[in-house]
């Protein structure tokens, strides 16, 4: 397996990484959906319909980031009905593209997905804070409840593990 990795071209590693990033994002998104459904099921009915004056104030960070980019590029205000598409587009694009970085790293690392996957996931989690805090979209982790941080870390651990295992399975299929 290791000799195959060294023989993998940059393009091959990128393609495997993109596909692995997709797999990791599927894993992470699945867990997020399960957790969101559980949370909505426990939420009292009046809270579900509460409207805020500005829906963007409570939009997920991926949507807020995409909104900033689009408004800077176009000079136009983005309507709140775009929140779901911006959330998903940024989430999936980020997850898949980070898989490419994982794929490139695999050209030089020994295959250890059980170790590298969670480490990669934790790195992605840390990177999200390092980039989103300065943008004002997140606060530093110590400002959140331990349960919220634990849930966020678990999503990223699953993403990293899914990406690593996906990469390993796809690399084996190429043999």
Protein backbone atom coordinates (compact mmCIF):
# COMPACT_ATOMS: atom_id res chain seq x y z
CA UNK A 1 0.00 0.00 0.00
CA UNK A 2 2.77 2.40 0.91
CA UNK A 3 4.54 2.01 -2.45
CA UNK A 4 1.24 2.69 -4.20
CA UNK A 5 0.90 5.96 -2.29
CA UNK A 6 4.33 7.13 -3.37
CA UNK A 7 3.41 6.28 -6.97
CA UNK A 8 0.13 8.20 -6.77
CA UNK A 9 0.31 11.35 -8.85
CA UNK A 10 -0.62 14.71 -7.44
CA UNK A 11 -3.77 14.64 -9.54
CA UNK A 12 -4.59 11.13 -8.33
CA UNK A 13 -4.08 12.15 -4.70
CA UNK A 14 -6.28 15.21 -5.20
CA UNK A 15 -9.05 13.14 -6.80
CA UNK A 16 -8.92 10.53 -4.04
CA UNK A 17 -8.88 13.30 -1.45
CA UNK A 18 -11.88 15.08 -2.97
CA UNK A 19 -13.86 11.83 -3.00
CA UNK A 20 -12.74 11.06 0.56
CA UNK A 21 -13.74 14.58 1.64
CA UNK A 22 -17.17 13.90 0.19
CA UNK A 23 -17.40 10.69 2.22
CA UNK A 24 -16.27 12.48 5.38
CA UNK A 25 -18.80 15.26 4.79
CA UNK A 26 -21.58 12.69 4.30
CA UNK A 27 -20.65 11.17 7.68
CA UNK A 28 -20.54 14.52 9.45
CA UNK A 29 -23.76 15.78 7.88
CA UNK A 30 -25.57 12.57 8.78
CA UNK A 31 -24.65 12.98 12.45
CA UNK A 32 -25.59 16.67 12.38
CA UNK A 33 -29.01 15.83 10.89
CA UNK A 34 -29.69 13.17 13.53
CA UNK A 35 -28.73 15.59 16.31
CA UNK A 36 -30.83 18.42 14.80
CA UNK A 37 -33.90 16.18 14.57
CA UNK A 38 -33.48 15.13 18.19
CA UNK A 39 -33.15 18.77 19.23
CA UNK A 40 -36.24 19.82 17.22
CA UNK A 41 -38.28 16.95 18.69
CA UNK A 42 -37.48 18.18 22.23
CA UNK A 43 -38.12 21.85 21.42
CA UNK A 44 -41.43 23.31 22.67
CA UNK A 45 -43.82 24.18 19.84
CA UNK A 46 -43.90 27.99 20.42
CA UNK A 47 -40.10 28.22 20.09
CA UNK A 48 -40.15 26.56 16.66
CA UNK A 49 -42.04 29.41 15.07
CA UNK A 50 -40.24 32.30 16.76
CA UNK A 51 -39.10 34.76 14.12
CA UNK A 52 -36.22 37.14 14.58
CA UNK A 53 -36.20 40.55 12.95
CA UNK A 54 -33.02 39.56 11.09
CA UNK A 55 -32.85 35.86 10.13
CA UNK A 56 -29.16 36.27 9.29
CA UNK A 57 -28.43 36.97 12.97
CA UNK A 58 -29.08 33.29 13.75
CA UNK A 59 -27.89 31.79 10.46
CA UNK A 60 -25.14 29.15 10.69
CA UNK A 61 -21.57 30.38 10.27
CA UNK A 62 -21.16 28.79 6.79
CA UNK A 63 -24.15 30.80 5.52
CA UNK A 64 -22.89 34.00 7.10
CA UNK A 65 -19.46 33.51 5.55
CA UNK A 66 -20.95 32.87 2.09
CA UNK A 67 -23.21 35.91 2.52
CA UNK A 68 -20.21 38.15 3.25
CA UNK A 69 -18.33 36.84 0.22
CA UNK A 70 -21.32 37.25 -2.11
CA UNK A 71 -22.16 40.72 -0.86
CA UNK A 72 -18.52 41.78 -1.26
CA UNK A 73 -18.38 40.34 -4.78
CA UNK A 74 -21.74 41.60 -6.03
CA UNK A 75 -22.40 44.65 -3.87
CA UNK A 76 -25.95 43.37 -3.37
CA UNK A 77 -27.71 42.30 -0.21
CA UNK A 78 -28.40 38.56 -0.01
CA UNK A 79 -32.01 37.67 0.88
CA UNK A 80 -32.63 35.41 3.91
CA UNK A 81 -34.25 32.73 1.76
CA UNK A 82 -30.68 31.90 0.63
CA UNK A 83 -29.60 30.81 4.13
CA UNK A 84 -30.19 27.06 3.52
CA UNK A 85 -28.42 26.99 0.15
CA UNK A 86 -25.51 29.07 1.45
CA UNK A 87 -25.22 26.88 4.53
CA UNK A 88 -25.15 23.66 2.54
CA UNK A 89 -23.01 24.95 -0.29
CA UNK A 90 -20.32 26.25 2.03
CA UNK A 91 -20.47 23.19 4.31
CA UNK A 92 -20.15 20.71 1.45
CA UNK A 93 -17.61 22.75 -0.49
CA UNK A 94 -15.40 23.19 2.56
CA UNK A 95 -15.60 19.52 3.56
CA UNK A 96 -14.89 18.21 0.08
CA UNK A 97 -12.05 20.66 -0.59
CA UNK A 98 -10.35 19.86 2.73
CA UNK A 99 -10.42 16.23 1.63
CA UNK A 100 -8.09 17.28 -1.19
CA UNK A 101 -5.60 18.55 1.41
CA UNK A 102 -5.90 15.21 3.21
CA UNK A 103 -5.27 13.41 -0.09
CA UNK A 104 -2.11 15.39 -0.76
CA UNK A 105 -0.80 14.68 2.73
CA UNK A 106 -1.33 10.97 2.17
CA UNK A 107 1.36 10.95 -0.51
CA UNK A 108 3.94 11.41 2.26
CA UNK A 109 2.34 9.76 5.29
CA UNK A 110 2.13 6.10 6.19
CA UNK A 111 -1.47 4.86 6.04
CA UNK A 112 -2.91 4.96 9.54
CA UNK A 113 -6.53 6.08 9.09
CA UNK A 114 -7.54 5.19 12.66
CA UNK A 115 -4.99 7.72 13.94
CA UNK A 116 -4.78 10.22 11.09
CA UNK A 117 -8.54 10.57 10.66
CA UNK A 118 -9.36 11.85 14.15
CA UNK A 119 -6.23 14.04 14.15
CA UNK A 120 -7.28 15.50 10.80
CA UNK A 121 -10.80 16.09 12.14
CA UNK A 122 -9.45 17.88 15.22
CA UNK A 123 -7.23 19.96 12.97
CA UNK A 124 -10.22 20.99 10.86
CA UNK A 125 -12.13 21.86 14.03
CA UNK A 126 -9.24 24.01 15.31
CA UNK A 127 -8.83 25.63 11.89
CA UNK A 128 -12.50 26.60 11.86
CA UNK A 129 -12.02 28.57 15.08
CA UNK A 130 -8.74 30.05 13.88
CA UNK A 131 -10.46 31.43 10.78
CA UNK A 132 -14.02 32.16 11.94
CA UNK A 133 -13.19 33.90 15.24
CA UNK A 134 -11.22 36.73 13.58
CA UNK A 135 -14.11 37.14 11.12
CA UNK A 136 -16.51 37.58 14.02
CA UNK A 137 -18.54 34.50 13.09
CA UNK A 138 -17.48 32.42 16.09
CA UNK A 139 -16.26 33.14 19.59
CA UNK A 140 -13.26 31.34 21.06
CA UNK A 141 -14.15 27.81 22.28
CA UNK A 142 -13.96 28.68 25.99
CA UNK A 143 -16.97 30.99 25.53
CA UNK A 144 -19.25 28.03 24.72
CA UNK A 145 -20.78 25.38 26.98
CA UNK A 146 -18.75 22.19 27.25
CA UNK A 147 -21.62 20.20 25.72
CA UNK A 148 -21.72 22.45 22.66
CA UNK A 149 -17.97 22.11 22.15
CA UNK A 150 -18.16 18.35 22.68
CA UNK A 151 -20.87 18.05 20.04
CA UNK A 152 -18.90 20.19 17.57
CA UNK A 153 -15.72 18.20 18.20
CA UNK A 154 -17.62 14.93 17.70
CA UNK A 155 -18.85 16.14 14.29
CA UNK A 156 -15.30 16.92 13.24
CA UNK A 157 -13.87 13.69 14.62
CA UNK A 158 -16.41 11.81 12.52
CA UNK A 159 -15.60 13.97 9.49
CA UNK A 160 -11.87 13.26 9.82
CA UNK A 161 -12.41 9.55 10.43
CA UNK A 162 -14.83 9.28 7.52
CA UNK A 163 -12.39 11.11 5.25
CA UNK A 164 -9.47 8.89 6.29
CA UNK A 165 -11.39 5.64 5.95
CA UNK A 166 -12.91 6.81 2.68
CA UNK A 167 -9.46 7.60 1.35
CA UNK A 168 -8.14 4.24 2.44
CA UNK A 169 -11.02 2.32 0.85
CA UNK A 170 -10.78 4.26 -2.41
CA UNK A 171 -6.98 3.85 -2.52
CA UNK A 172 -7.35 0.08 -2.08
CA UNK A 173 -9.87 -0.09 -4.92
CA UNK A 174 -7.28 1.47 -7.24
CA UNK A 175 -4.91 -1.48 -6.80
